[in-house]
Amino acid sequence: MQKEAILTATERFACAAMAENDAAHDARHLYRVVDIAMQLAEKCGADLFRTRMLALLHEMDDDKLSSNLGLAAVETFLKKQGLPQEEISFLLLGIPYISYRKHPKLSADIPLEIRIVQDADRIDAMGAVGIARTFAYGGAKGRSLEESLSHFDEKLLKLYDLLSTPEAKTLAKPRYDFIRSFYEQFQKETK
């Protein structure tokens, strides 16, 4: 099967899975991560096919989401698409690495495409979109504003320092500054 046909089928597969998630982890999140990852991949000279595939599939093994199909289901899907085993193995290796909970920091020996998609997912958790996603997810889980804000301390304000490519840091800096400013202003208004 041609790469374009595999990408199209994978996009449909991933978007269908994401349809059951909360607004913070919907198909629009996938598309934003794909867009950011492709920008980074082009700047870093990474494999564009691997980067796009991993970005599309990065939420398929996350136990907090409805889209948690698991790696076995992803492998079955990819085999049906006729993807070579080498590419399937790469994707199955990469998907768990995108998770902040499982892999907060990556070493330099992890393939560039995995580091790029992890960076892209983290960039989508920063800035105005990151703030909106935090409160959308908190609301979906019945959390108060203050409980949702605790996510900033637990994760969001740490993400910038964990980005693994210089290109990601450049792209993320304005978003990080914005989220930090919002956090500080929220703290002032709720004292």
Protein backbone atom coordinates (compact mmCIF):
# COMPACT_ATOMS: atom_id res chain seq x y z
CA MET A 1 0.00 0.00 0.00
CA GLN A 2 1.21 3.51 -0.78
CA LYS A 3 2.29 5.78 2.06
CA GLU A 4 -0.43 8.36 1.29
CA ALA A 5 -3.13 5.68 1.45
CA ILE A 6 -1.73 4.43 4.77
CA LEU A 7 -1.67 7.98 6.16
CA THR A 8 -5.29 8.53 5.09
CA ALA A 9 -6.44 5.24 6.63
CA THR A 10 -4.50 5.97 9.82
CA GLU A 11 -6.04 9.42 10.09
CA ARG A 12 -9.53 7.92 9.81
CA PHE A 13 -8.66 5.20 12.35
CA ALA A 14 -7.24 7.67 14.89
CA CYS A 15 -9.99 10.27 14.48
CA ALA A 16 -12.67 7.63 14.97
CA ALA A 17 -11.00 6.55 18.20
CA MET A 18 -10.64 10.15 19.39
CA ALA A 19 -14.35 10.88 18.84
CA GLU A 20 -15.23 9.44 22.26
CA ASN A 21 -12.69 11.54 24.18
CA ASP A 22 -13.23 14.79 26.07
CA ALA A 23 -12.75 18.10 24.24
CA ALA A 24 -9.13 18.37 25.40
CA HIS A 25 -8.19 15.11 23.66
CA ASP A 26 -10.32 15.17 20.53
CA ALA A 27 -9.39 14.96 16.86
CA ARG A 28 -8.52 18.67 16.81
CA HIS A 29 -5.80 17.88 19.35
CA LEU A 30 -4.44 15.23 16.96
CA TYR A 31 -4.39 17.68 14.06
CA ARG A 32 -2.62 20.34 16.13
CA VAL A 33 0.01 17.81 17.25
CA VAL A 34 0.46 16.64 13.65
CA ASP A 35 0.90 20.24 12.46
CA ILE A 36 3.43 21.08 15.17
CA ALA A 37 5.29 17.80 14.70
CA MET A 38 5.55 18.31 10.95
CA GLN A 39 6.91 21.84 11.44
CA LEU A 40 9.54 20.46 13.80
CA ALA A 41 10.30 17.45 11.58
CA GLU A 42 11.00 19.67 8.59
CA LYS A 43 13.29 21.93 10.63
CA CYS A 44 15.11 18.95 12.20
CA GLY A 45 15.40 16.83 9.06
CA ALA A 46 13.35 13.97 10.53
CA ASP A 47 11.49 11.27 8.60
CA LEU A 48 8.18 12.93 7.69
CA PHE A 49 6.19 9.70 7.25
CA ARG A 50 7.22 8.28 10.63
CA THR A 51 6.60 11.62 12.31
CA ARG A 52 3.09 12.01 10.89
CA MET A 53 2.14 8.40 11.63
CA LEU A 54 3.35 8.64 15.22
CA ALA A 55 1.60 11.98 15.73
CA LEU A 56 -1.67 10.50 14.45
CA LEU A 57 -1.39 7.44 16.71
CA HIS A 58 0.10 8.99 19.84
CA GLU A 59 -3.13 8.87 21.90
CA MET A 60 -4.04 5.27 21.12
CA ASP A 61 -2.44 3.84 24.28
CA ASP A 62 -3.43 6.28 27.04
CA ASP A 63 -5.42 4.72 29.86
CA LYS A 64 -7.11 8.00 30.82
CA LEU A 65 -8.80 8.30 27.42
CA SER A 66 -11.63 6.54 25.61
CA SER A 67 -9.27 6.28 22.62
CA ASN A 68 -7.14 3.83 24.62
CA LEU A 69 -7.27 1.02 22.08
CA GLY A 70 -3.94 -0.40 23.18
CA LEU A 71 -0.86 -1.30 21.21
CA ALA A 72 -2.21 -4.68 20.09
CA ALA A 73 -5.14 -3.02 18.31
CA VAL A 74 -2.80 -0.50 16.70
CA GLU A 75 -0.52 -3.30 15.53
CA THR A 76 -3.45 -5.21 14.03
CA PHE A 77 -4.61 -2.09 12.21
CA LEU A 78 -1.14 -1.33 10.84
CA LYS A 79 -0.64 -4.89 9.62
CA LYS A 80 -3.95 -4.71 7.73
CA GLN A 81 -2.62 -1.59 6.00
CA GLY A 82 0.38 -3.52 4.75
CA LEU A 83 2.88 -1.39 6.64
CA PRO A 84 6.33 -3.04 6.80
CA GLN A 85 7.18 -4.66 10.15
CA GLU A 86 10.10 -2.27 10.68
CA GLU A 87 7.70 0.69 10.58
CA ILE A 88 5.17 -1.06 12.82
CA SER A 89 7.89 -1.82 15.36
CA PHE A 90 9.01 1.81 15.34
CA LEU A 91 5.46 3.06 15.94
CA LEU A 92 4.78 0.55 18.71
CA LEU A 93 8.02 1.64 20.37
CA GLY A 94 7.20 5.32 19.97
CA ILE A 95 3.58 5.55 21.11
CA PRO A 96 4.26 4.95 24.84
CA TYR A 97 7.13 7.44 24.80
CA ILE A 98 4.82 10.34 24.02
CA SER A 99 3.15 10.04 27.44
CA TYR A 100 4.28 12.53 30.07
CA ARG A 101 3.36 10.13 32.85
CA LYS A 102 5.34 7.23 31.41
CA HIS A 103 8.32 9.14 30.02
CA PRO A 104 8.71 12.69 31.32
CA LYS A 105 12.26 13.00 29.95
CA LEU A 106 13.80 11.32 26.91
CA SER A 107 17.45 10.56 26.33
CA ALA A 108 19.22 11.61 23.17
CA ASP A 109 19.41 8.00 21.95
CA ILE A 110 15.63 7.87 21.47
CA PRO A 111 14.85 8.33 17.75
CA LEU A 112 14.40 11.93 16.67
CA GLU A 113 10.86 11.37 15.39
CA ILE A 114 9.74 10.16 18.83
CA ARG A 115 11.33 13.17 20.53
CA ILE A 116 9.66 15.48 18.00
CA VAL A 117 6.17 14.06 18.53
CA GLN A 118 6.62 14.15 22.29
CA ASP A 119 7.68 17.80 21.98
CA ALA A 120 4.70 18.57 19.72
CA ASP A 121 2.24 17.00 22.17
CA ARG A 122 3.77 19.05 24.98
CA ILE A 123 3.65 22.26 22.97
CA ASP A 124 -0.08 21.69 22.46
CA ALA A 125 -0.40 21.65 26.26
CA MET A 126 1.04 25.17 26.48
CA GLY A 127 -0.28 28.60 25.54
CA ALA A 128 -3.91 29.59 25.16
CA VAL A 129 -4.81 26.17 23.78
CA GLY A 130 -3.10 24.46 26.71
CA ILE A 131 -5.04 26.58 29.17
CA ALA A 132 -8.33 25.83 27.41
CA ARG A 133 -7.52 22.12 27.29
CA THR A 134 -6.68 22.07 31.01
CA PHE A 135 -10.01 23.54 32.02
CA ALA A 136 -11.97 21.50 29.46
CA TYR A 137 -10.46 18.28 30.81
CA GLY A 138 -10.97 19.42 34.41
CA GLY A 139 -14.60 20.24 33.69
CA ALA A 140 -15.15 16.87 32.01
CA LYS A 141 -13.78 15.22 35.17
CA GLY A 142 -15.87 17.41 37.52
CA ARG A 143 -12.89 19.33 38.88
CA SER A 144 -13.10 22.84 40.30
CA LEU A 145 -11.12 25.70 38.79
CA GLU A 146 -8.57 25.42 41.59
CA GLU A 147 -8.24 21.65 41.10
CA SER A 148 -7.70 22.22 37.39
CA LEU A 149 -5.13 24.89 38.14
CA SER A 150 -3.12 22.40 40.19
CA HIS A 151 -2.34 20.72 36.84
CA PHE A 152 -0.15 23.72 36.05
CA ASP A 153 2.12 22.95 39.03
CA GLU A 154 2.02 19.19 38.46
CA LYS A 155 2.81 19.26 34.76
CA LEU A 156 2.27 22.25 32.50
CA LEU A 157 4.85 24.60 33.98
CA LYS A 158 7.47 21.82 33.78
CA LEU A 159 6.98 21.01 30.10
CA TYR A 160 9.17 23.71 28.57
CA ASP A 161 12.27 22.48 30.40
CA LEU A 162 11.55 18.92 29.24
CA LEU A 163 11.41 19.69 25.52
CA SER A 164 14.16 17.74 23.81
CA THR A 165 14.80 19.65 20.58
CA PRO A 166 16.06 23.24 20.33
CA GLU A 167 13.51 23.86 17.57
CA ALA A 168 10.69 22.91 19.95
CA LYS A 169 12.00 25.28 22.62
CA THR A 170 11.99 28.15 20.11
CA LEU A 171 8.44 27.37 19.01
CA ALA A 172 7.19 26.83 22.57
CA LYS A 173 8.73 29.86 24.30
CA PRO A 174 5.86 32.32 23.62
CA ARG A 175 3.32 29.69 24.69
CA TYR A 176 5.26 28.94 27.85
CA ASP A 177 5.52 32.64 28.71
CA PHE A 178 1.78 33.04 28.17
CA ILE A 179 0.83 30.07 30.34
CA ARG A 180 3.15 31.23 33.13
CA SER A 181 1.64 34.74 32.97
CA PHE A 182 -1.89 33.30 33.09
CA TYR A 183 -0.99 31.13 36.07
CA GLU A 184 0.47 34.08 37.99
CA GLN A 185 -2.57 36.25 37.20
CA PHE A 186 -4.97 33.49 38.25
CA GLN A 187 -3.10 33.17 41.55
CA LYS A 188 -3.43 36.95 42.15
CA GLU A 189 -7.14 36.94 41.41
CA THR A 190 -7.94 34.00 43.67
CA LYS A 191 -6.04 34.98 46.82
